[in-house]
Amino acid sequence: MAAPMLRCISRGRRFGTPGRSGVLPRGLRESHSGAQGLLAVQKARGLFKEFFPERGTKTELPELFDHRTAGTVPQTVYCGFDPTADSLHVGHLLALLGLFHFQRAGHNVIALVGGATARLGDPSGRSKEREALAAERVRSNARALRRGLQALAANHQQLFADGRAWGTFTVLDNADWYQKQPLVDFLAAVGGHFRMGTLLSRLSVQTRLKSPEGMSLAEFLYQVLQAYDFYYLFQRYGCRVQLGGSDQLGNIMSGYEFIHKLTGEDVFGISVPLITSTTGAKLGKSAGNAVWLNRDKTSPFELYQFFVRQQDDLVERYLKLFTFLPLPEIDHIMQLHVKEAEKRGPQKRLAAEVTKLVHGQEGLDSAKRCTQALYHSSIDALEVMSDQELKELFKEASFSELVLDPGTSVLDTCRKANAIPDGPRGYRMITEGGVSINHRQVTNPESVLVVGQHILKNGLSLLKIGKRNVYIIKWLQL
């Protein structure tokens, strides 16, 4: 879509003003996919998928981020995250990585929590309407998302610094401006700038209108509010670029058209790919396959294992998408993998980089301890694990707190933990080798527990009955 000439914005704003228009030599005025610099690198990694508008603006998107362009100043980029749950999940990570890459290049980024828009529900990529959330539930989720975003930004700042001067990372909530907007005033000021024919033509709208459930007015107006968010951030923070999943392009186009009508200025959208399961389903809460970034919902160990288990045909792509590793280093990792595939080096590196970003160094260390304890029967790893780590490692395990009386035997322990049935059958389970404590098989039911062998130095015992039934015992009054 061709756009009118871009007028230079001269009024100052927080985060710096938008980049001034400048003309590059003809040879450097390439399409977005071929531009050199930040956008081209992320396009090569597969992180940036589509750009809007592709061409036709006075200042094209690559020029905003090209430090060779005279007068280029730091830009502001935003991405929205609706608090439909109290945690982000792996499906959100690519958009966050996109923000972080802009921040690392010296640009300012905004993570916008949709404390208002979450109550409408984004219809993009959905076959039916979201379940309505109570206002207090949305507010609670929004607070949790803000904490999660700030924690991720802190881990990024502390653990992935590269010596360059970075831009800022700010978390906002669109409820802060919508709760001050009377409905009639908002519709009178904003509604006249949207054409029904254009709104109805969006793919997300067309898909829902043709579905058996149809589409509610609340969902239909979602793209209007997202467009207004973009306008608000453009006016207040000089934000000229919106980042979103590939299912967000229709909403981003609405924002572009709204801003252009009101101001005559050009803004831009960049999409990132959607991460899907092996069946092709989008990863997320609605699909029931979310891998959460909140430790209470998905432990560091579980997150680590999710990436360790990725198939060989995906791991190189995921290293490019989910990490900050330079492309030559990724190539080297993959070359080693060809020679030593059994070591799963790329998967382990991928898992380590993502877990460190999400949960920090302590979270990565915890994930590795759990891996050693579960898959390598490491007593050393068990001895330094906390109660929380053991509960995370064996989420289905029974957890008991028992007093260690003098002469407590293996049989006593199994019975107090309700791990074996009473009577001869439970006794035989031990004598026949079906019981282990701390990865060591025990066959004498009358054996007295020994501190340092049956009871680890952290006061814990890991009791296993058969192959799958796990019991964690915390001993009191040692």
Protein backbone atom coordinates (compact mmCIF):
# COMPACT_ATOMS: atom_id res chain seq x y z
CA MET A 1 0.00 0.00 0.00
CA ALA A 2 1.52 3.31 -1.05
CA ALA A 3 1.44 5.98 1.66
CA PRO A 4 1.72 9.77 1.48
CA MET A 5 4.99 11.55 2.18
CA LEU A 6 6.22 11.12 5.76
CA ARG A 7 6.31 14.38 7.64
CA CYS A 8 9.15 14.78 10.11
CA ILE A 9 8.00 14.64 13.75
CA SER A 10 9.67 17.42 15.68
CA ARG A 11 7.90 17.36 19.04
CA GLY A 12 9.93 15.69 21.79
CA ARG A 13 8.69 12.52 23.47
CA ARG A 14 9.83 10.12 26.10
CA PHE A 15 12.15 7.42 24.75
CA GLY A 16 13.40 9.81 22.03
CA THR A 17 11.66 11.02 18.90
CA PRO A 18 10.96 8.86 15.88
CA GLY A 19 13.70 8.64 13.27
CA ARG A 20 13.91 11.52 10.81
CA SER A 21 13.52 10.75 7.17
CA GLY A 22 16.74 10.39 5.25
CA VAL A 23 17.49 9.19 1.76
CA LEU A 24 19.94 6.34 1.30
CA PRO A 25 21.86 5.75 -1.92
CA ARG A 26 19.78 3.74 -4.40
CA GLY A 27 21.89 0.63 -3.87
CA LEU A 28 21.10 0.56 -0.17
CA ARG A 29 17.35 1.12 -0.51
CA GLU A 30 16.51 -2.55 -0.53
CA SER A 31 13.34 -4.38 0.41
CA HIS A 32 12.99 -5.27 4.09
CA SER A 33 13.99 -8.86 3.53
CA GLY A 34 17.25 -7.81 1.94
CA ALA A 35 18.19 -4.84 4.09
CA GLN A 36 21.46 -4.99 5.91
CA GLY A 37 21.60 -4.65 9.68
CA LEU A 38 19.24 -5.54 12.50
CA LEU A 39 16.19 -6.44 10.43
CA ALA A 40 18.16 -8.52 7.94
CA VAL A 41 19.93 -10.46 10.71
CA GLN A 42 16.66 -11.34 12.41
CA LYS A 43 15.09 -12.19 9.06
CA ALA A 44 18.00 -14.57 8.44
CA ARG A 45 17.46 -16.15 11.87
CA GLY A 46 13.79 -16.66 11.02
CA LEU A 47 12.62 -14.46 13.90
CA PHE A 48 11.14 -11.66 11.79
CA LYS A 49 8.67 -13.08 9.31
CA GLU A 50 6.61 -10.32 7.68
CA PHE A 51 6.78 -6.53 7.48
CA PHE A 52 3.99 -4.01 6.97
CA PRO A 53 3.96 -1.78 4.98
CA GLU A 54 6.54 -3.57 2.87
CA ARG A 55 7.18 -0.56 0.64
CA GLY A 56 5.72 2.79 -0.36
CA THR A 57 6.59 4.92 2.67
CA LYS A 58 8.91 7.90 2.47
CA THR A 59 11.16 6.49 5.16
CA GLU A 60 11.20 2.73 4.82
CA LEU A 61 11.42 0.47 7.83
CA PRO A 62 15.09 -0.61 7.44
CA GLU A 63 16.21 3.03 7.46
CA LEU A 64 14.76 3.55 10.93
CA PHE A 65 17.19 0.97 12.30
CA ASP A 66 20.19 1.58 10.05
CA HIS A 67 22.89 3.42 12.00
CA ARG A 68 24.49 4.47 8.71
CA THR A 69 21.51 6.70 7.98
CA ALA A 70 22.34 10.27 8.95
CA GLY A 71 20.23 11.45 11.85
CA THR A 72 18.97 8.03 12.86
CA VAL A 73 17.91 8.03 16.54
CA PRO A 74 16.78 5.19 18.81
CA GLN A 75 13.32 3.93 17.89
CA THR A 76 10.58 2.62 20.16
CA VAL A 77 9.02 -0.80 19.52
CA TYR A 78 6.12 -2.42 21.37
CA CYS A 79 4.40 -5.76 21.68
CA GLY A 80 1.18 -6.59 23.51
CA PHE A 81 0.49 -9.49 25.88
CA ASP A 82 -3.08 -10.09 27.04
CA PRO A 83 -3.38 -11.41 30.63
CA THR A 84 -5.77 -14.27 29.86
CA ALA A 85 -3.70 -16.32 32.34
CA ASP A 86 -1.39 -15.44 35.24
CA SER A 87 1.75 -16.49 33.35
CA LEU A 88 3.39 -16.11 29.99
CA HIS A 89 4.18 -19.31 28.08
CA VAL A 90 6.68 -20.50 25.47
CA GLY A 91 4.37 -19.24 22.74
CA HIS A 92 5.11 -15.67 23.95
CA LEU A 93 8.87 -16.09 23.95
CA LEU A 94 9.52 -15.24 20.31
CA ALA A 95 7.82 -11.86 20.59
CA LEU A 96 9.86 -11.20 23.74
CA LEU A 97 13.06 -12.24 21.98
CA GLY A 98 12.16 -9.81 19.22
CA LEU A 99 11.84 -6.99 21.77
CA PHE A 100 15.13 -7.99 23.37
CA HIS A 101 16.96 -7.93 20.03
CA PHE A 102 15.75 -4.38 19.45
CA GLN A 103 16.79 -3.43 22.98
CA ARG A 104 20.24 -4.95 22.45
CA ALA A 105 20.64 -2.82 19.34
CA GLY A 106 20.05 0.35 21.37
CA HIS A 107 16.33 0.84 20.79
CA ASN A 108 13.66 1.30 23.44
CA VAL A 109 11.00 -1.36 23.86
CA ILE A 110 7.61 -1.55 25.54
CA ALA A 111 5.88 -4.72 26.71
CA LEU A 112 2.21 -3.79 26.88
CA VAL A 113 -0.01 -5.84 29.18
CA GLY A 114 -3.60 -5.82 27.89
CA GLY A 115 -5.39 -5.33 31.18
CA ALA A 116 -8.32 -3.81 29.24
CA THR A 117 -8.26 -5.72 25.94
CA ALA A 118 -8.09 -9.10 27.70
CA ARG A 119 -11.69 -8.56 28.80
CA LEU A 120 -12.82 -8.46 25.16
CA GLY A 121 -10.76 -11.39 23.87
CA ASP A 122 -8.66 -11.35 20.71
CA PRO A 123 -10.41 -13.38 17.99
CA SER A 124 -7.22 -13.76 15.92
CA GLY A 125 -6.41 -17.39 15.21
CA ARG A 126 -9.40 -18.66 17.21
CA SER A 127 -12.36 -20.74 16.08
CA LYS A 128 -14.59 -19.70 18.98
CA GLU A 129 -14.93 -16.95 21.55
CA ARG A 130 -12.73 -16.93 24.64
CA GLU A 131 -14.32 -17.64 27.97
CA ALA A 132 -15.13 -14.31 29.62
CA LEU A 133 -12.91 -13.40 32.56
CA ALA A 134 -14.06 -11.46 35.61
CA ALA A 135 -12.55 -7.99 36.00
CA GLU A 136 -10.70 -8.88 39.22
CA ARG A 137 -9.29 -12.04 37.61
CA VAL A 138 -7.93 -9.98 34.71
CA ARG A 139 -6.40 -7.45 37.11
CA SER A 140 -4.74 -10.24 39.08
CA ASN A 141 -3.42 -11.85 35.89
CA ALA A 142 -2.16 -8.48 34.68
CA ARG A 143 -0.17 -7.94 37.88
CA ALA A 144 1.34 -11.41 37.53
CA LEU A 145 2.26 -10.80 33.87
CA ARG A 146 3.94 -7.52 34.74
CA ARG A 147 6.05 -9.29 37.36
CA GLY A 148 6.92 -12.03 34.88
CA LEU A 149 7.93 -9.58 32.16
CA GLN A 150 10.05 -7.57 34.57
CA ALA A 151 11.78 -10.74 35.81
CA LEU A 152 12.60 -11.80 32.24
CA ALA A 153 13.93 -8.35 31.44
CA ALA A 154 16.11 -8.46 34.57
CA ASN A 155 17.53 -11.89 33.66
CA HIS A 156 18.25 -10.63 30.17
CA GLN A 157 20.03 -7.56 31.52
CA GLN A 158 22.07 -9.45 34.11
CA LEU A 159 23.01 -12.63 32.25
CA PHE A 160 23.18 -11.76 28.57
CA ALA A 161 24.95 -8.39 28.50
CA ASP A 162 27.23 -7.97 25.48
CA GLY A 163 29.08 -4.77 26.35
CA ARG A 164 26.93 -2.53 24.16
CA ALA A 165 24.70 0.29 25.34
CA TRP A 166 21.17 -1.07 25.35
CA GLY A 167 17.86 0.69 25.09
CA THR A 168 15.22 0.68 27.83
CA PHE A 169 12.62 -1.99 28.62
CA THR A 170 9.33 -0.68 29.98
CA VAL A 171 6.18 -2.55 31.01
CA LEU A 172 2.83 -0.75 30.64
CA ASP A 173 -0.84 -1.75 31.05
CA ASN A 174 -3.48 -0.43 28.64
CA ALA A 175 -6.04 -0.43 31.46
CA ASP A 176 -4.25 2.72 32.65
CA TRP A 177 -5.69 4.74 29.75
CA TYR A 178 -8.93 2.90 28.97
CA GLN A 179 -10.30 3.16 32.51
CA LYS A 180 -10.18 6.95 32.09
CA GLN A 181 -12.15 6.85 28.81
CA PRO A 182 -15.95 7.33 28.94
CA LEU A 183 -17.47 4.98 26.37
CA VAL A 184 -19.44 7.54 24.35
CA ASP A 185 -16.53 9.98 24.28
CA PHE A 186 -14.20 7.22 23.09
CA LEU A 187 -16.54 6.07 20.32
CA ALA A 188 -17.17 9.65 19.20
CA ALA A 189 -13.46 10.43 19.02
CA VAL A 190 -12.23 7.15 17.58
CA GLY A 191 -15.10 5.29 15.92
CA GLY A 192 -15.51 7.69 12.99
CA HIS A 193 -12.00 6.88 11.73
CA PHE A 194 -12.73 3.19 11.12
CA ARG A 195 -14.62 1.90 8.09
CA MET A 196 -16.84 -1.14 8.56
CA GLY A 197 -15.93 -2.61 5.20
CA THR A 198 -12.25 -2.62 6.09
CA LEU A 199 -12.81 -4.08 9.55
CA LEU A 200 -15.06 -6.80 8.16
CA SER A 201 -12.48 -7.75 5.54
CA ARG A 202 -9.87 -8.89 8.08
CA LEU A 203 -9.16 -12.61 7.87
CA SER A 204 -9.71 -13.14 11.60
CA VAL A 205 -13.15 -11.52 11.32
CA GLN A 206 -14.11 -13.37 8.14
CA THR A 207 -13.14 -16.71 9.67
CA ARG A 208 -15.23 -16.12 12.77
CA LEU A 209 -18.24 -14.76 10.90
CA LYS A 210 -18.36 -17.97 8.86
CA SER A 211 -18.07 -20.19 11.94
CA PRO A 212 -21.13 -21.74 13.63
CA GLU A 213 -20.65 -19.54 16.71
CA GLY A 214 -20.29 -16.31 14.78
CA MET A 215 -18.61 -13.30 16.39
CA SER A 216 -19.58 -11.05 19.27
CA LEU A 217 -19.45 -7.26 19.15
CA ALA A 218 -16.82 -7.31 21.91
CA GLU A 219 -14.48 -9.48 19.82
CA PHE A 220 -15.18 -7.41 16.72
CA LEU A 221 -14.09 -4.24 18.49
CA TYR A 222 -10.83 -5.81 19.68
CA GLN A 223 -8.91 -4.62 16.61
CA VAL A 224 -10.15 -1.07 17.23
CA LEU A 225 -8.73 -1.07 20.74
CA GLN A 226 -5.43 -2.58 19.57
CA ALA A 227 -5.23 0.13 16.91
CA TYR A 228 -5.85 2.78 19.55
CA ASP A 229 -3.11 1.27 21.75
CA PHE A 230 -0.67 1.75 18.88
CA TYR A 231 -1.87 5.35 18.41
CA TYR A 232 -1.56 6.09 22.15
CA LEU A 233 1.99 4.72 22.29
CA PHE A 234 2.88 6.60 19.10
CA GLN A 235 1.65 9.89 20.57
CA ARG A 236 3.02 9.40 24.07
CA TYR A 237 6.24 7.46 23.48
CA GLY A 238 7.06 7.99 19.81
CA CYS A 239 6.47 4.31 19.11
CA ARG A 240 6.59 3.57 15.39
CA VAL A 241 6.83 -0.23 15.30
CA GLN A 242 4.50 -2.94 16.63
CA LEU A 243 5.71 -6.51 17.00
CA GLY A 244 3.31 -9.43 17.11
CA GLY A 245 2.61 -13.02 16.12
CA SER A 246 1.82 -13.69 12.48
CA ASP A 247 -1.86 -13.91 13.42
CA GLN A 248 -1.74 -10.24 14.46
CA LEU A 249 -1.11 -8.67 11.05
CA GLY A 250 -4.76 -7.68 10.58
CA ASN A 251 -4.81 -5.84 13.90
CA ILE A 252 -1.47 -4.19 13.10
CA MET A 253 -2.85 -3.00 9.73
CA SER A 254 -5.80 -1.42 11.53
CA GLY A 255 -3.35 0.48 13.75
CA TYR A 256 -1.37 1.69 10.76
CA GLU A 257 -4.48 2.95 8.96
CA PHE A 258 -5.83 4.67 12.09
CA ILE A 259 -2.57 6.47 12.87
CA HIS A 260 -2.05 7.46 9.25
CA LYS A 261 -5.55 8.94 9.00
CA LEU A 262 -5.12 11.00 12.16
CA THR A 263 -1.52 12.14 11.78
CA GLY A 264 -0.36 11.49 8.23
CA GLU A 265 2.60 9.61 9.71
CA ASP A 266 3.74 6.11 8.86
CA VAL A 267 4.14 3.33 11.41
CA PHE A 268 5.15 -0.27 10.88
CA GLY A 269 4.41 -3.83 11.90
CA ILE A 270 6.69 -6.84 12.18
CA SER A 271 5.41 -10.37 12.72
CA VAL A 272 7.18 -13.29 14.37
CA PRO A 273 6.32 -16.93 13.62
CA LEU A 274 3.92 -18.92 15.75
CA ILE A 275 5.39 -21.90 17.58
CA THR A 276 3.32 -25.04 17.14
CA SER A 277 3.26 -28.54 18.60
CA THR A 278 4.22 -31.63 16.61
CA THR A 279 0.54 -31.86 15.55
CA GLY A 280 0.60 -28.30 14.21
CA ALA A 281 -1.47 -26.79 17.05
CA LYS A 282 -0.46 -23.35 18.29
CA LEU A 283 1.20 -23.62 21.71
CA GLY A 284 -0.87 -21.86 24.33
CA LYS A 285 -3.38 -21.96 27.15
CA SER A 286 -6.43 -22.36 24.92
CA ALA A 287 -4.99 -25.39 23.14
CA GLY A 288 -4.15 -26.99 26.48
CA ASN A 289 -0.48 -27.50 25.59
CA ALA A 290 1.12 -24.45 27.18
CA VAL A 291 4.64 -24.67 28.55
CA TRP A 292 4.50 -21.90 31.13
CA LEU A 293 7.25 -19.47 32.10
CA ASN A 294 6.05 -19.21 35.70
CA ARG A 295 7.89 -21.68 37.96
CA ASP A 296 4.73 -22.53 39.87
CA LYS A 297 3.12 -23.83 36.68
CA THR A 298 6.10 -25.27 34.77
CA SER A 299 9.30 -25.91 36.74
CA PRO A 300 12.76 -25.00 35.40
CA PHE A 301 13.36 -28.75 35.01
CA GLU A 302 10.23 -29.19 32.89
CA LEU A 303 11.09 -26.18 30.73
CA TYR A 304 14.64 -27.48 30.29
CA GLN A 305 13.36 -30.92 29.32
CA PHE A 306 10.87 -29.45 26.83
CA PHE A 307 13.76 -28.05 24.82
CA VAL A 308 16.13 -30.98 25.40
CA ARG A 309 13.52 -33.23 23.81
CA GLN A 310 13.25 -31.22 20.59
CA GLN A 311 13.84 -33.22 17.44
CA ASP A 312 17.00 -32.91 15.39
CA ASP A 313 15.12 -31.39 12.47
CA LEU A 314 13.92 -28.49 14.66
CA VAL A 315 16.84 -27.77 16.96
CA GLU A 316 18.89 -25.59 14.58
CA ARG A 317 15.84 -23.43 13.84
CA TYR A 318 15.09 -23.14 17.56
CA LEU A 319 18.68 -22.15 18.37
CA LYS A 320 18.29 -19.27 15.92
CA LEU A 321 14.88 -18.28 17.24
CA PHE A 322 15.16 -18.73 21.00
CA THR A 323 18.78 -17.76 21.75
CA PHE A 324 21.16 -14.85 21.27
CA LEU A 325 23.94 -17.13 19.99
CA PRO A 326 25.65 -15.76 16.85
CA LEU A 327 24.87 -17.65 13.65
CA PRO A 328 28.50 -18.84 13.19
CA GLU A 329 28.42 -20.36 16.69
CA ILE A 330 25.17 -22.14 15.90
CA ASP A 331 26.72 -23.50 12.70
CA HIS A 332 29.65 -24.83 14.75
CA ILE A 333 27.31 -26.48 17.28
CA MET A 334 25.44 -28.21 14.47
CA GLN A 335 28.68 -29.40 12.83
CA LEU A 336 29.71 -31.05 16.10
CA HIS A 337 26.26 -32.61 16.33
CA VAL A 338 26.78 -34.42 13.04
CA LYS A 339 29.81 -36.17 14.55
CA GLU A 340 28.37 -36.77 18.05
CA ALA A 341 24.59 -36.90 17.63
CA GLU A 342 24.16 -39.13 20.67
CA LYS A 343 25.33 -36.32 22.98
CA ARG A 344 22.42 -34.07 21.93
CA GLY A 345 24.69 -31.05 22.23
CA PRO A 346 22.43 -28.59 20.35
CA GLN A 347 19.38 -29.57 22.41
CA LYS A 348 21.26 -29.16 25.69
CA ARG A 349 22.64 -25.77 24.66
CA LEU A 350 19.18 -24.63 23.54
CA ALA A 351 17.62 -25.79 26.80
CA ALA A 352 20.33 -24.10 28.87
CA GLU A 353 20.05 -20.74 27.08
CA VAL A 354 16.24 -20.60 27.33
CA THR A 355 16.09 -21.80 30.95
CA LYS A 356 18.71 -19.25 32.00
CA LEU A 357 16.75 -16.44 30.33
CA VAL A 358 13.46 -17.48 31.89
CA HIS A 359 14.57 -18.62 35.37
CA GLY A 360 18.04 -17.15 35.80
CA GLN A 361 21.25 -18.98 36.64
CA GLU A 362 19.74 -20.51 39.78
CA GLY A 363 16.87 -21.91 37.73
CA LEU A 364 19.26 -23.43 35.20
CA ASP A 365 21.35 -24.98 37.99
CA SER A 366 18.16 -26.43 39.49
CA ALA A 367 17.11 -27.91 36.14
CA LYS A 368 20.50 -29.56 35.74
CA ARG A 369 20.41 -30.99 39.28
CA CYS A 370 16.98 -32.45 38.63
CA THR A 371 18.18 -33.91 35.35
CA GLN A 372 21.13 -35.57 37.04
CA ALA A 373 18.97 -36.93 39.86
CA LEU A 374 16.25 -38.34 37.62
CA TYR A 375 18.08 -39.55 34.53
CA HIS A 376 21.55 -40.28 35.89
CA SER A 377 20.60 -41.55 39.38
CA SER A 378 23.00 -39.06 40.91
CA ILE A 379 23.11 -39.27 44.70
CA ASP A 380 25.24 -36.11 44.80
CA ALA A 381 22.51 -34.21 42.96
CA LEU A 382 19.82 -35.57 45.29
CA GLU A 383 21.78 -34.50 48.37
CA VAL A 384 21.85 -30.84 47.39
CA MET A 385 18.26 -30.62 46.11
CA SER A 386 15.78 -28.51 48.04
CA ASP A 387 12.28 -29.61 49.05
CA GLN A 388 10.91 -27.40 46.27
CA GLU A 389 13.13 -29.01 43.63
CA LEU A 390 12.11 -32.51 44.68
CA LYS A 391 8.45 -31.57 44.57
CA GLU A 392 8.96 -30.05 41.11
CA LEU A 393 10.88 -33.07 39.92
CA PHE A 394 8.26 -35.53 41.10
CA LYS A 395 5.05 -33.56 40.77
CA GLU A 396 2.94 -36.66 41.10
CA ALA A 397 4.94 -37.88 44.11
CA SER A 398 3.55 -38.12 47.61
CA PHE A 399 5.38 -35.80 50.03
CA SER A 400 5.54 -36.76 53.71
CA GLU A 401 7.13 -35.32 56.81
CA LEU A 402 8.06 -38.06 59.29
CA VAL A 403 9.78 -38.17 62.67
CA LEU A 404 12.85 -40.42 62.70
CA ASP A 405 12.42 -42.63 65.74
CA PRO A 406 15.35 -44.78 66.93
CA GLY A 407 15.44 -48.09 65.07
CA THR A 408 13.16 -46.98 62.22
CA SER A 409 13.38 -49.71 59.56
CA VAL A 410 12.82 -49.82 55.82
CA LEU A 411 9.48 -51.54 56.44
CA ASP A 412 8.42 -48.87 58.96
CA THR A 413 9.32 -46.15 56.49
CA CYS A 414 7.37 -47.68 53.61
CA ARG A 415 4.29 -48.17 55.77
CA LYS A 416 4.36 -44.69 57.32
CA ALA A 417 4.62 -43.20 53.83
CA ASN A 418 1.67 -45.36 52.72
CA ALA A 419 3.88 -46.67 49.96
CA ILE A 420 3.12 -50.39 50.40
CA PRO A 421 0.07 -52.35 51.55
CA ASP A 422 -0.06 -53.78 55.05
CA GLY A 423 0.61 -57.43 55.65
CA PRO A 424 2.68 -60.03 53.81
CA ARG A 425 2.19 -58.49 50.35
CA GLY A 426 3.94 -55.27 51.31
CA TYR A 427 6.72 -57.23 53.01
CA ARG A 428 7.27 -59.27 49.84
CA MET A 429 7.46 -56.13 47.69
CA ILE A 430 10.63 -55.24 49.59
CA THR A 431 12.19 -58.71 49.67
CA GLU A 432 11.53 -59.22 45.96
CA GLY A 433 13.48 -56.06 45.03
CA GLY A 434 10.61 -53.72 44.24
CA VAL A 435 11.75 -50.94 46.58
CA SER A 436 14.67 -48.49 46.38
CA ILE A 437 15.74 -45.63 48.61
CA ASN A 438 17.84 -42.88 47.06
CA HIS A 439 18.30 -44.96 43.89
CA ARG A 440 19.66 -47.94 45.89
CA GLN A 441 17.66 -51.14 45.96
CA VAL A 442 16.76 -52.41 49.45
CA THR A 443 15.69 -56.01 50.01
CA ASN A 444 15.82 -56.40 53.79
CA PRO A 445 12.61 -54.99 55.35
CA GLU A 446 14.16 -55.03 58.83
CA SER A 447 17.21 -52.91 57.88
CA VAL A 448 17.48 -49.83 60.12
CA LEU A 449 17.73 -46.54 58.27
CA VAL A 450 21.27 -45.13 58.16
CA VAL A 451 21.88 -41.39 57.94
CA GLY A 452 24.09 -40.71 54.94
CA GLN A 453 22.77 -43.75 53.06
CA HIS A 454 19.00 -43.97 53.42
CA ILE A 455 18.73 -40.39 54.64
CA LEU A 456 20.66 -37.75 52.72
CA LYS A 457 22.51 -34.91 54.36
CA ASN A 458 19.67 -32.54 53.41
CA GLY A 459 17.30 -34.66 55.54
CA LEU A 460 15.45 -36.17 52.60
CA SER A 461 14.78 -39.68 51.35
CA LEU A 462 13.61 -40.59 47.86
CA LEU A 463 11.52 -43.75 48.13
CA LYS A 464 10.60 -45.54 44.91
CA ILE A 465 8.18 -48.45 44.62
CA GLY A 466 8.45 -50.19 41.29
CA LYS A 467 9.33 -48.01 38.32
CA ARG A 468 6.82 -45.20 38.64
CA ASN A 469 5.62 -44.69 42.22
CA VAL A 470 7.76 -42.08 43.95
CA TYR A 471 7.53 -40.86 47.55
CA ILE A 472 9.52 -37.98 49.00
CA ILE A 473 10.14 -38.05 52.75
CA LYS A 474 11.41 -35.14 54.80
CA TRP A 475 12.75 -36.35 58.13
CA LEU A 476 12.14 -34.25 61.22
CA GLN A 477 14.17 -34.07 64.44
CA LEU A 478 17.31 -35.58 62.95
